[in-house]
Amino acid sequence: MTELAQLARIFKALGDESRLAILAGIHGREIECTCGDACCASVATVSDVAAEVDVSLPTISYHLKELVAAGLVETRRNGRRVFCRIDQAGLKSAAELIKELTK
């Protein structure tokens, strides 16, 4: 996938109000995981995010799939729980493009 195609996917994902609410919910609910695994530091559970943004779990799952595909969110399953966190690289590339366009 080209860089422009990836950026288009990011902006398409960010163009949905529910997905923006989910990103804000993930950011607002990030916690330090107690399992000691470095790969899950600063995570939020999908159930907590669903409760915070008042959206059903199937709807959250659909939107998370789109956010993951766009490179904006990472998910990890631990038993029955699914943890998610914001992927800073995806947001950074979108922010860099906006910064470049404002010059």
PDB file of N, CA and C in Angstrom:
ATOM      1  N   MET A   1       0.849  -1.172   0.000  1.00  0.00           N
ATOM      2  CA  MET A   1       0.000   0.000   0.000  1.00  0.00           C
ATOM      3  C   MET A   1       0.894   1.235   0.000  1.00  0.00           C
ATOM      4  N   THR A   2       0.576   2.186  -0.844  1.00  0.00           N
ATOM      5  CA  THR A   2       1.372   3.403  -0.910  1.00  0.00           C
ATOM      6  C   THR A   2       1.104   4.274   0.305  1.00  0.00           C
ATOM      7  N   GLU A   3       1.999   5.216   0.513  1.00  0.00           N
ATOM      8  CA  GLU A   3       1.844   6.115   1.659  1.00  0.00           C
ATOM      9  C   GLU A   3       0.556   6.927   1.548  1.00  0.00           C
ATOM     10  N   LEU A   4       0.240   7.399   0.335  1.00  0.00           N
ATOM     11  CA  LEU A   4      -0.994   8.174   0.155  1.00  0.00           C
ATOM     12  C   LEU A   4      -2.231   7.308   0.391  1.00  0.00           C
ATOM     13  N   ALA A   5      -2.185   6.059  -0.046  1.00  0.00           N
ATOM     14  CA  ALA A   5      -3.323   5.162   0.186  1.00  0.00           C
ATOM     15  C   ALA A   5      -3.515   4.916   1.672  1.00  0.00           C
ATOM     16  N   GLN A   6      -2.410   4.746   2.395  1.00  0.00           N
ATOM     17  CA  GLN A   6      -2.507   4.546   3.844  1.00  0.00           C
ATOM     18  C   GLN A   6      -3.049   5.791   4.530  1.00  0.00           C
ATOM     19  N   LEU A   7      -2.602   6.963   4.105  1.00  0.00           N
ATOM     20  CA  LEU A   7      -3.117   8.207   4.690  1.00  0.00           C
ATOM     21  C   LEU A   7      -4.610   8.367   4.394  1.00  0.00           C
ATOM     22  N   ALA A   8      -5.032   8.002   3.181  1.00  0.00           N
ATOM     23  CA  ALA A   8      -6.452   8.073   2.839  1.00  0.00           C
ATOM     24  C   ALA A   8      -7.258   7.150   3.748  1.00  0.00           C
ATOM     25  N   ARG A   9      -6.715   5.977   4.035  1.00  0.00           N
ATOM     26  CA  ARG A   9      -7.391   5.038   4.931  1.00  0.00           C
ATOM     27  C   ARG A   9      -7.491   5.609   6.342  1.00  0.00           C
ATOM     28  N   ILE A  10      -6.433   6.266   6.791  1.00  0.00           N
ATOM     29  CA  ILE A  10      -6.436   6.889   8.112  1.00  0.00           C
ATOM     30  C   ILE A  10      -7.506   7.975   8.185  1.00  0.00           C
ATOM     31  N   PHE A  11      -7.528   8.859   7.184  1.00  0.00           N
ATOM     32  CA  PHE A  11      -8.493   9.950   7.219  1.00  0.00           C
ATOM     33  C   PHE A  11      -9.926   9.451   7.055  1.00  0.00           C
ATOM     34  N   LYS A  12     -10.111   8.374   6.296  1.00  0.00           N
ATOM     35  CA  LYS A  12     -11.443   7.782   6.178  1.00  0.00           C
ATOM     36  C   LYS A  12     -11.893   7.252   7.542  1.00  0.00           C
ATOM     37  N   ALA A  13     -10.983   6.603   8.243  1.00  0.00           N
ATOM     38  CA  ALA A  13     -11.314   6.088   9.581  1.00  0.00           C
ATOM     39  C   ALA A  13     -11.612   7.227  10.544  1.00  0.00           C
ATOM     40  N   LEU A  14     -10.857   8.309  10.451  1.00  0.00           N
ATOM     41  CA  LEU A  14     -11.066   9.446  11.342  1.00  0.00           C
ATOM     42  C   LEU A  14     -12.310  10.251  10.975  1.00  0.00           C
ATOM     43  N   GLY A  15     -12.852  10.025   9.786  1.00  0.00           N
ATOM     44  CA  GLY A  15     -14.029  10.761   9.334  1.00  0.00           C
ATOM     45  C   GLY A  15     -15.338  10.244   9.899  1.00  0.00           C
ATOM     46  N   ASP A  16     -15.289   9.228  10.730  1.00  0.00           N
ATOM     47  CA  ASP A  16     -16.491   8.661  11.322  1.00  0.00           C
ATOM     48  C   ASP A  16     -16.581   9.088  12.791  1.00  0.00           C
ATOM     49  N   GLU A  17     -17.704   9.671  13.159  1.00  0.00           N
ATOM     50  CA  GLU A  17     -17.882  10.197  14.514  1.00  0.00           C
ATOM     51  C   GLU A  17     -17.757   9.101  15.590  1.00  0.00           C
ATOM     52  N   SER A  18     -18.280   7.920  15.297  1.00  0.00           N
ATOM     53  CA  SER A  18     -18.179   6.823  16.271  1.00  0.00           C
ATOM     54  C   SER A  18     -16.731   6.421  16.492  1.00  0.00           C
ATOM     55  N   ARG A  19     -15.947   6.396  15.424  1.00  0.00           N
ATOM     56  CA  ARG A  19     -14.541   6.012  15.559  1.00  0.00           C
ATOM     57  C   ARG A  19     -13.752   7.070  16.322  1.00  0.00           C
ATOM     58  N   LEU A  20     -14.083   8.324  16.102  1.00  0.00           N
ATOM     59  CA  LEU A  20     -13.428   9.378  16.883  1.00  0.00           C
ATOM     60  C   LEU A  20     -13.773   9.231  18.362  1.00  0.00           C
ATOM     61  N   ALA A  21     -15.020   8.902  18.644  1.00  0.00           N
ATOM     62  CA  ALA A  21     -15.432   8.698  20.035  1.00  0.00           C
ATOM     63  C   ALA A  21     -14.698   7.499  20.640  1.00  0.00           C
ATOM     64  N   ILE A  22     -14.515   6.459  19.855  1.00  0.00           N
ATOM     65  CA  ILE A  22     -13.787   5.281  20.340  1.00  0.00           C
ATOM     66  C   ILE A  22     -12.332   5.636  20.620  1.00  0.00           C
ATOM     67  N   LEU A  23     -11.694   6.377  19.715  1.00  0.00           N
ATOM     68  CA  LEU A  23     -10.310   6.809  19.956  1.00  0.00           C
ATOM     69  C   LEU A  23     -10.220   7.636  21.229  1.00  0.00           C
ATOM     70  N   ALA A  24     -11.166   8.553  21.399  1.00  0.00           N
ATOM     71  CA  ALA A  24     -11.167   9.372  22.620  1.00  0.00           C
ATOM     72  C   ALA A  24     -11.407   8.498  23.842  1.00  0.00           C
ATOM     73  N   GLY A  25     -12.268   7.505  23.711  1.00  0.00           N
ATOM     74  CA  GLY A  25     -12.531   6.596  24.819  1.00  0.00           C
ATOM     75  C   GLY A  25     -11.318   5.765  25.187  1.00  0.00           C
ATOM     76  N   ILE A  26     -10.585   5.309  24.176  1.00  0.00           N
ATOM     77  CA  ILE A  26      -9.358   4.561  24.444  1.00  0.00           C
ATOM     78  C   ILE A  26      -8.355   5.460  25.144  1.00  0.00           C
ATOM     79  N   HIS A  27      -8.197   6.655  24.623  1.00  0.00           N
ATOM     80  CA  HIS A  27      -7.238   7.592  25.220  1.00  0.00           C
ATOM     81  C   HIS A  27      -7.626   7.927  26.658  1.00  0.00           C
ATOM     82  N   GLY A  28      -8.904   8.126  26.890  1.00  0.00           N
ATOM     83  CA  GLY A  28      -9.377   8.497  28.222  1.00  0.00           C
ATOM     84  C   GLY A  28      -9.353   7.358  29.219  1.00  0.00           C
ATOM     85  N   ARG A  29      -9.338   6.101  28.746  1.00  0.00           N
ATOM     86  CA  ARG A  29      -9.406   4.948  29.641  1.00  0.00           C
ATOM     87  C   ARG A  29      -8.093   4.185  29.733  1.00  0.00           C
ATOM     88  N   GLU A  30      -7.037   4.666  29.107  1.00  0.00           N
ATOM     89  CA  GLU A  30      -5.783   3.932  29.142  1.00  0.00           C
ATOM     90  C   GLU A  30      -5.319   3.753  30.588  1.00  0.00           C
ATOM     91  N   ILE A  31      -4.945   2.525  30.921  1.00  0.00           N
ATOM     92  CA  ILE A  31      -4.475   2.174  32.257  1.00  0.00           C
ATOM     93  C   ILE A  31      -3.154   1.436  32.133  1.00  0.00           C
ATOM     94  N   GLU A  32      -2.436   1.397  33.194  1.00  0.00           N
ATOM     95  CA  GLU A  32      -1.220   0.589  33.211  1.00  0.00           C
ATOM     96  C   GLU A  32      -1.627  -0.848  33.502  1.00  0.00           C
ATOM     97  N   CYS A  33      -1.309  -1.741  32.605  1.00  0.00           N
ATOM     98  CA  CYS A  33      -1.649  -3.151  32.771  1.00  0.00           C
ATOM     99  C   CYS A  33      -0.794  -3.753  33.880  1.00  0.00           C
ATOM    100  N   THR A  34      -1.380  -4.658  34.627  1.00  0.00           N
ATOM    101  CA  THR A  34      -0.677  -5.248  35.762  1.00  0.00           C
ATOM    102  C   THR A  34      -0.001  -6.572  35.438  1.00  0.00           C
ATOM    103  N   CYS A  35      -0.089  -7.030  34.192  1.00  0.00           N
ATOM    104  CA  CYS A  35       0.490  -8.339  33.877  1.00  0.00           C
ATOM    105  C   CYS A  35       2.010  -8.272  33.755  1.00  0.00           C
ATOM    106  N   GLY A  36       2.572  -7.084  33.671  1.00  0.00           N
ATOM    107  CA  GLY A  36       4.018  -6.935  33.592  1.00  0.00           C
ATOM    108  C   GLY A  36       4.569  -7.095  32.197  1.00  0.00           C
ATOM    109  N   ASP A  37       3.715  -7.349  31.225  1.00  0.00           N
ATOM    110  CA  ASP A  37       4.149  -7.528  29.844  1.00  0.00           C
ATOM    111  C   ASP A  37       4.309  -6.146  29.212  1.00  0.00           C
ATOM    112  N   ALA A  38       5.502  -5.845  28.731  1.00  0.00           N
ATOM    113  CA  ALA A  38       5.788  -4.514  28.203  1.00  0.00           C
ATOM    114  C   ALA A  38       4.911  -4.161  27.007  1.00  0.00           C
ATOM    115  N   CYS A  39       4.432  -5.163  26.277  1.00  0.00           N
ATOM    116  CA  CYS A  39       3.657  -4.861  25.073  1.00  0.00           C
ATOM    117  C   CYS A  39       2.239  -4.402  25.384  1.00  0.00           C
ATOM    118  N   CYS A  40       1.810  -4.453  26.630  1.00  0.00           N
ATOM    119  CA  CYS A  40       0.437  -4.028  26.918  1.00  0.00           C
ATOM    120  C   CYS A  40       0.387  -2.864  27.906  1.00  0.00           C
ATOM    121  N   ALA A  41       1.492  -2.145  28.047  1.00  0.00           N
ATOM    122  CA  ALA A  41       1.468  -0.964  28.907  1.00  0.00           C
ATOM    123  C   ALA A  41       0.545   0.084  28.289  1.00  0.00           C
ATOM    124  N   SER A  42      -0.159   0.809  29.104  1.00  0.00           N
ATOM    125  CA  SER A  42      -1.094   1.849  28.678  1.00  0.00           C
ATOM    126  C   SER A  42      -2.140   1.306  27.716  1.00  0.00           C
ATOM    127  N   VAL A  43      -3.014   0.474  28.222  1.00  0.00           N
ATOM    128  CA  VAL A  43      -4.063  -0.135  27.414  1.00  0.00           C
ATOM    129  C   VAL A  43      -5.430   0.148  28.018  1.00  0.00           C
ATOM    130  N   ALA A  44      -6.463  -0.071  27.226  1.00  0.00           N
ATOM    131  CA  ALA A  44      -7.842   0.019  27.689  1.00  0.00           C
ATOM    132  C   ALA A  44      -8.554  -1.237  27.237  1.00  0.00           C
ATOM    133  N   THR A  45      -9.490  -1.740  28.030  1.00  0.00           N
ATOM    134  CA  THR A  45     -10.251  -2.902  27.589  1.00  0.00           C
ATOM    135  C   THR A  45     -11.363  -2.451  26.656  1.00  0.00           C
ATOM    136  N   VAL A  46     -11.712  -3.316  25.722  1.00  0.00           N
ATOM    137  CA  VAL A  46     -12.779  -3.003  24.772  1.00  0.00           C
ATOM    138  C   VAL A  46     -14.097  -2.803  25.515  1.00  0.00           C
ATOM    139  N   SER A  47     -14.351  -3.599  26.529  1.00  0.00           N
ATOM    140  CA  SER A  47     -15.592  -3.462  27.307  1.00  0.00           C
ATOM    141  C   SER A  47     -15.680  -2.101  27.982  1.00  0.00           C
ATOM    142  N   ASP A  48     -14.571  -1.634  28.539  1.00  0.00           N
ATOM    143  CA  ASP A  48     -14.564  -0.319  29.181  1.00  0.00           C
ATOM    144  C   ASP A  48     -14.815   0.797  28.171  1.00  0.00           C
ATOM    145  N   VAL A  49     -14.199   0.674  27.011  1.00  0.00           N
ATOM    146  CA  VAL A  49     -14.390   1.694  25.971  1.00  0.00           C
ATOM    147  C   VAL A  49     -15.842   1.684  25.503  1.00  0.00           C
ATOM    148  N   ALA A  50     -16.420   0.500  25.324  1.00  0.00           N
ATOM    149  CA  ALA A  50     -17.824   0.398  24.901  1.00  0.00           C
ATOM    150  C   ALA A  50     -18.746   1.074  25.906  1.00  0.00           C
ATOM    151  N   ALA A  51     -18.481   0.869  27.185  1.00  0.00           N
ATOM    152  CA  ALA A  51     -19.305   1.496  28.225  1.00  0.00           C
ATOM    153  C   ALA A  51     -19.129   3.010  28.225  1.00  0.00           C
ATOM    154  N   GLU A  52     -17.899   3.460  28.006  1.00  0.00           N
ATOM    155  CA  GLU A  52     -17.632   4.895  28.040  1.00  0.00           C
ATOM    156  C   GLU A  52     -18.294   5.634  26.874  1.00  0.00           C
ATOM    157  N   VAL A  53     -18.265   5.055  25.693  1.00  0.00           N
ATOM    158  CA  VAL A  53     -18.833   5.745  24.527  1.00  0.00           C
ATOM    159  C   VAL A  53     -20.271   5.322  24.259  1.00  0.00           C
ATOM    160  N   ASP A  54     -20.837   4.457  25.140  1.00  0.00           N
ATOM    161  CA  ASP A  54     -22.231   4.028  25.065  1.00  0.00           C
ATOM    162  C   ASP A  54     -22.567   3.433  23.697  1.00  0.00           C
ATOM    163  N   VAL A  55     -21.754   2.451  23.298  1.00  0.00           N
ATOM    164  CA  VAL A  55     -21.943   1.747  22.031  1.00  0.00           C
ATOM    165  C   VAL A  55     -21.891   0.252  22.332  1.00  0.00           C
ATOM    166  N   SER A  56     -22.652  -0.531  21.587  1.00  0.00           N
ATOM    167  CA  SER A  56     -22.674  -1.975  21.820  1.00  0.00           C
ATOM    168  C   SER A  56     -21.332  -2.611  21.455  1.00  0.00           C
ATOM    169  N   LEU A  57     -21.056  -3.764  22.041  1.00  0.00           N
ATOM    170  CA  LEU A  57     -19.804  -4.469  21.751  1.00  0.00           C
ATOM    171  C   LEU A  57     -19.667  -4.846  20.273  1.00  0.00           C
ATOM    172  N   PRO A  58     -20.727  -5.327  19.598  1.00  0.00           N
ATOM    173  CA  PRO A  58     -20.568  -5.614  18.168  1.00  0.00           C
ATOM    174  C   PRO A  58     -20.204  -4.370  17.348  1.00  0.00           C
ATOM    175  N   THR A  59     -20.784  -3.236  17.711  1.00  0.00           N
ATOM    176  CA  THR A  59     -20.464  -1.986  17.004  1.00  0.00           C
ATOM    177  C   THR A  59     -19.027  -1.575  17.272  1.00  0.00           C
ATOM    178  N   ILE A  60     -18.594  -1.692  18.528  1.00  0.00           N
ATOM    179  CA  ILE A  60     -17.203  -1.392  18.872  1.00  0.00           C
ATOM    180  C   ILE A  60     -16.268  -2.295  18.081  1.00  0.00           C
ATOM    181  N   SER A  61     -16.590  -3.579  18.007  1.00  0.00           N
ATOM    182  CA  SER A  61     -15.739  -4.527  17.285  1.00  0.00           C
ATOM    183  C   SER A  61     -15.594  -4.144  15.824  1.00  0.00           C
ATOM    184  N   TYR A  62     -16.700  -3.762  15.199  1.00  0.00           N
ATOM    185  CA  TYR A  62     -16.647  -3.348  13.789  1.00  0.00           C
ATOM    186  C   TYR A  62     -15.744  -2.131  13.612  1.00  0.00           C
ATOM    187  N   HIS A  63     -15.962  -1.124  14.431  1.00  0.00           N
ATOM    188  CA  HIS A  63     -15.179   0.101  14.299  1.00  0.00           C
ATOM    189  C   HIS A  63     -13.715  -0.117  14.673  1.00  0.00           C
ATOM    190  N   LEU A  64     -13.461  -0.960  15.674  1.00  0.00           N
ATOM    191  CA  LEU A  64     -12.068  -1.268  16.022  1.00  0.00           C
ATOM    192  C   LEU A  64     -11.350  -1.955  14.869  1.00  0.00           C
ATOM    193  N   LYS A  65     -12.058  -2.820  14.166  1.00  0.00           N
ATOM    194  CA  LYS A  65     -11.470  -3.487  13.000  1.00  0.00           C
ATOM    195  C   LYS A  65     -11.017  -2.449  11.975  1.00  0.00           C
ATOM    196  N   GLU A  66     -11.827  -1.449  11.746  1.00  0.00           N
ATOM    197  CA  GLU A  66     -11.478  -0.380  10.804  1.00  0.00           C
ATOM    198  C   GLU A  66     -10.308   0.465  11.319  1.00  0.00           C
ATOM    199  N   LEU A  67     -10.311   0.754  12.605  1.00  0.00           N
ATOM    200  CA  LEU A  67      -9.223   1.539  13.195  1.00  0.00           C
ATOM    201  C   LEU A  67      -7.906   0.772  13.180  1.00  0.00           C
ATOM    202  N   VAL A  68      -7.975  -0.534  13.408  1.00  0.00           N
ATOM    203  CA  VAL A  68      -6.769  -1.364  13.336  1.00  0.00           C
ATOM    204  C   VAL A  68      -6.256  -1.407  11.901  1.00  0.00           C
ATOM    205  N   ALA A  69      -7.152  -1.597  10.934  1.00  0.00           N
ATOM    206  CA  ALA A  69      -6.762  -1.650   9.525  1.00  0.00           C
ATOM    207  C   ALA A  69      -6.118  -0.338   9.068  1.00  0.00           C
ATOM    208  N   ALA A  70      -6.560   0.764   9.660  1.00  0.00           N
ATOM    209  CA  ALA A  70      -5.996   2.075   9.309  1.00  0.00           C
ATOM    210  C   ALA A  70      -4.682   2.336  10.037  1.00  0.00           C
ATOM    211  N   GLY A  71      -4.331   1.479  10.969  1.00  0.00           N
ATOM    212  CA  GLY A  71      -3.084   1.660  11.712  1.00  0.00           C
ATOM    213  C   GLY A  71      -3.192   2.658  12.848  1.00  0.00           C
ATOM    214  N   LEU A  72      -4.408   2.890  13.335  1.00  0.00           N
ATOM    215  CA  LEU A  72      -4.619   3.863  14.406  1.00  0.00           C
ATOM    216  C   LEU A  72      -4.737   3.229  15.781  1.00  0.00           C
ATOM    217  N   VAL A  73      -5.072   1.945  15.820  1.00  0.00           N
ATOM    218  CA  VAL A  73      -5.274   1.236  17.082  1.00  0.00           C
ATOM    219  C   VAL A  73      -4.622  -0.145  16.981  1.00  0.00           C
ATOM    220  N   GLU A  74      -4.077  -0.592  18.091  1.00  0.00           N
ATOM    221  CA  GLU A  74      -3.551  -1.953  18.204  1.00  0.00           C
ATOM    222  C   GLU A  74      -4.404  -2.690  19.222  1.00  0.00           C
ATOM    223  N   THR A  75      -4.676  -3.968  18.967  1.00  0.00           N
ATOM    224  CA  THR A  75      -5.430  -4.772  19.931  1.00  0.00           C
ATOM    225  C   THR A  75      -4.628  -6.015  20.284  1.00  0.00           C
ATOM    226  N   ARG A  76      -4.932  -6.536  21.475  1.00  0.00           N
ATOM    227  CA  ARG A  76      -4.272  -7.748  21.942  1.00  0.00           C
ATOM    228  C   ARG A  76      -5.235  -8.495  22.848  1.00  0.00           C
ATOM    229  N   ARG A  77      -5.376  -9.782  22.612  1.00  0.00           N
ATOM    230  CA  ARG A  77      -6.261 -10.614  23.416  1.00  0.00           C
ATOM    231  C   ARG A  77      -5.463 -11.270  24.540  1.00  0.00           C
ATOM    232  N   ASN A  78      -6.044 -11.250  25.730  1.00  0.00           N
ATOM    233  CA  ASN A  78      -5.459 -11.926  26.879  1.00  0.00           C
ATOM    234  C   ASN A  78      -6.598 -12.690  27.544  1.00  0.00           C
ATOM    235  N   GLY A  79      -6.720 -13.977  27.210  1.00  0.00           N
ATOM    236  CA  GLY A  79      -7.854 -14.750  27.700  1.00  0.00           C
ATOM    237  C   GLY A  79      -9.129 -14.275  27.038  1.00  0.00           C
ATOM    238  N   ARG A  80     -10.117 -13.915  27.841  1.00  0.00           N
ATOM    239  CA  ARG A  80     -11.391 -13.419  27.299  1.00  0.00           C
ATOM    240  C   ARG A  80     -11.397 -11.925  27.106  1.00  0.00           C
ATOM    241  N   ARG A  81     -10.396 -11.258  27.606  1.00  0.00           N
ATOM    242  CA  ARG A  81     -10.359  -9.789  27.514  1.00  0.00           C
ATOM    243  C   ARG A  81      -9.557  -9.348  26.298  1.00  0.00           C
ATOM    244  N   VAL A  82     -10.024  -8.285  25.678  1.00  0.00           N
ATOM    245  CA  VAL A  82      -9.312  -7.686  24.555  1.00  0.00           C
ATOM    246  C   VAL A  82      -8.872  -6.297  24.994  1.00  0.00           C
ATOM    247  N   PHE A  83      -7.584  -6.061  24.863  1.00  0.00           N
ATOM    248  CA  PHE A  83      -7.013  -4.766  25.220  1.00  0.00           C
ATOM    249  C   PHE A  83      -6.702  -3.989  23.956  1.00  0.00           C
ATOM    250  N   CYS A  84      -6.860  -2.698  24.008  1.00  0.00           N
ATOM    251  CA  CYS A  84      -6.536  -1.874  22.846  1.00  0.00           C
ATOM    252  C   CYS A  84      -5.790  -0.626  23.307  1.00  0.00           C
ATOM    253  N   ARG A  85      -4.991  -0.114  22.390  1.00  0.00           N
ATOM    254  CA  ARG A  85      -4.283   1.131  22.656  1.00  0.00           C
ATOM    255  C   ARG A  85      -4.110   1.870  21.345  1.00  0.00           C
ATOM    256  N   ILE A  86      -3.896   3.141  21.450  1.00  0.00           N
ATOM    257  CA  ILE A  86      -3.693   3.973  20.273  1.00  0.00           C
ATOM    258  C   ILE A  86      -2.313   3.697  19.703  1.00  0.00           C
ATOM    259  N   ASP A  87      -2.253   3.518  18.385  1.00  0.00           N
ATOM    260  CA  ASP A  87      -0.986   3.330  17.688  1.00  0.00           C
ATOM    261  C   ASP A  87      -0.476   4.719  17.294  1.00  0.00           C
ATOM    262  N   GLN A  88       0.517   5.180  18.012  1.00  0.00           N
ATOM    263  CA  GLN A  88       1.030   6.540  17.815  1.00  0.00           C
ATOM    264  C   GLN A  88       1.582   6.772  16.414  1.00  0.00           C
ATOM    265  N   ALA A  89       2.117   5.750  15.768  1.00  0.00           N
ATOM    266  CA  ALA A  89       2.706   5.906  14.434  1.00  0.00           C
ATOM    267  C   ALA A  89       1.657   6.332  13.407  1.00  0.00           C
ATOM    268  N   GLY A  90       0.470   5.733  13.478  1.00  0.00           N
ATOM    269  CA  GLY A  90      -0.590   6.095  12.544  1.00  0.00           C
ATOM    270  C   GLY A  90      -1.045   7.528  12.721  1.00  0.00           C
ATOM    271  N   LEU A  91      -1.235   7.935  13.961  1.00  0.00           N
ATOM    272  CA  LEU A  91      -1.641   9.319  14.219  1.00  0.00           C
ATOM    273  C   LEU A  91      -0.545  10.300  13.828  1.00  0.00           C
ATOM    274  N   LYS A  92       0.697   9.893  14.046  1.00  0.00           N
ATOM    275  CA  LYS A  92       1.814  10.771  13.724  1.00  0.00           C
ATOM    276  C   LYS A  92       1.899  11.033  12.225  1.00  0.00           C
ATOM    277  N   SER A  93       1.689  10.006  11.409  1.00  0.00           N
ATOM    278  CA  SER A  93       1.771  10.221   9.962  1.00  0.00           C
ATOM    279  C   SER A  93       0.656  11.134   9.474  1.00  0.00           C
ATOM    280  N   ALA A  94      -0.536  11.015  10.052  1.00  0.00           N
ATOM    281  CA  ALA A  94      -1.634  11.914   9.685  1.00  0.00           C
ATOM    282  C   ALA A  94      -1.326  13.348  10.112  1.00  0.00           C
ATOM    283  N   ALA A  95      -0.791  13.502  11.325  1.00  0.00           N
ATOM    284  CA  ALA A  95      -0.445  14.841  11.817  1.00  0.00           C
ATOM    285  C   ALA A  95       0.654  15.480  10.982  1.00  0.00           C
ATOM    286  N   GLU A  96       1.619  14.673  10.554  1.00  0.00           N
ATOM    287  CA  GLU A  96       2.706  15.213   9.722  1.00  0.00           C
ATOM    288  C   GLU A  96       2.182  15.702   8.383  1.00  0.00           C
ATOM    289  N   LEU A  97       1.238  14.970   7.780  1.00  0.00           N
ATOM    290  CA  LEU A  97       0.660  15.411   6.509  1.00  0.00           C
ATOM    291  C   LEU A  97      -0.089  16.732   6.694  1.00  0.00           C
ATOM    292  N   ILE A  98      -0.873  16.842   7.754  1.00  0.00           N
ATOM    293  CA  ILE A  98      -1.611  18.083   8.000  1.00  0.00           C
ATOM    294  C   ILE A  98      -0.630  19.229   8.215  1.00  0.00           C
ATOM    295  N   LYS A  99       0.422  18.995   8.973  1.00  0.00           N
ATOM    296  CA  LYS A  99       1.429  20.019   9.206  1.00  0.00           C
ATOM    297  C   LYS A  99       2.066  20.454   7.894  1.00  0.00           C
ATOM    298  N   GLU A 100       2.365  19.493   7.028  1.00  0.00           N
ATOM    299  CA  GLU A 100       2.983  19.801   5.732  1.00  0.00           C
ATOM    300  C   GLU A 100       2.043  20.622   4.855  1.00  0.00           C
ATOM    301  N   LEU A 101       0.768  20.304   4.897  1.00  0.00           N
ATOM    302  CA  LEU A 101      -0.218  21.013   4.068  1.00  0.00           C
ATOM    303  C   LEU A 101      -0.481  22.423   4.566  1.00  0.00           C
ATOM    304  N   THR A 102      -0.163  22.724   5.800  1.00  0.00           N
ATOM    305  CA  THR A 102      -0.412  24.059   6.334  1.00  0.00           C
ATOM    306  C   THR A 102       0.779  24.999   6.149  1.00  0.00           C
ATOM    307  N   LYS A 103       1.822  24.518   5.536  1.00  0.00           N
ATOM    308  CA  LYS A 103       3.000  25.386   5.290  1.00  0.00           C
ATOM    309  C   LYS A 103       2.760  26.307   4.133  1.00  0.00           C
TER     310      LYS A 103
END
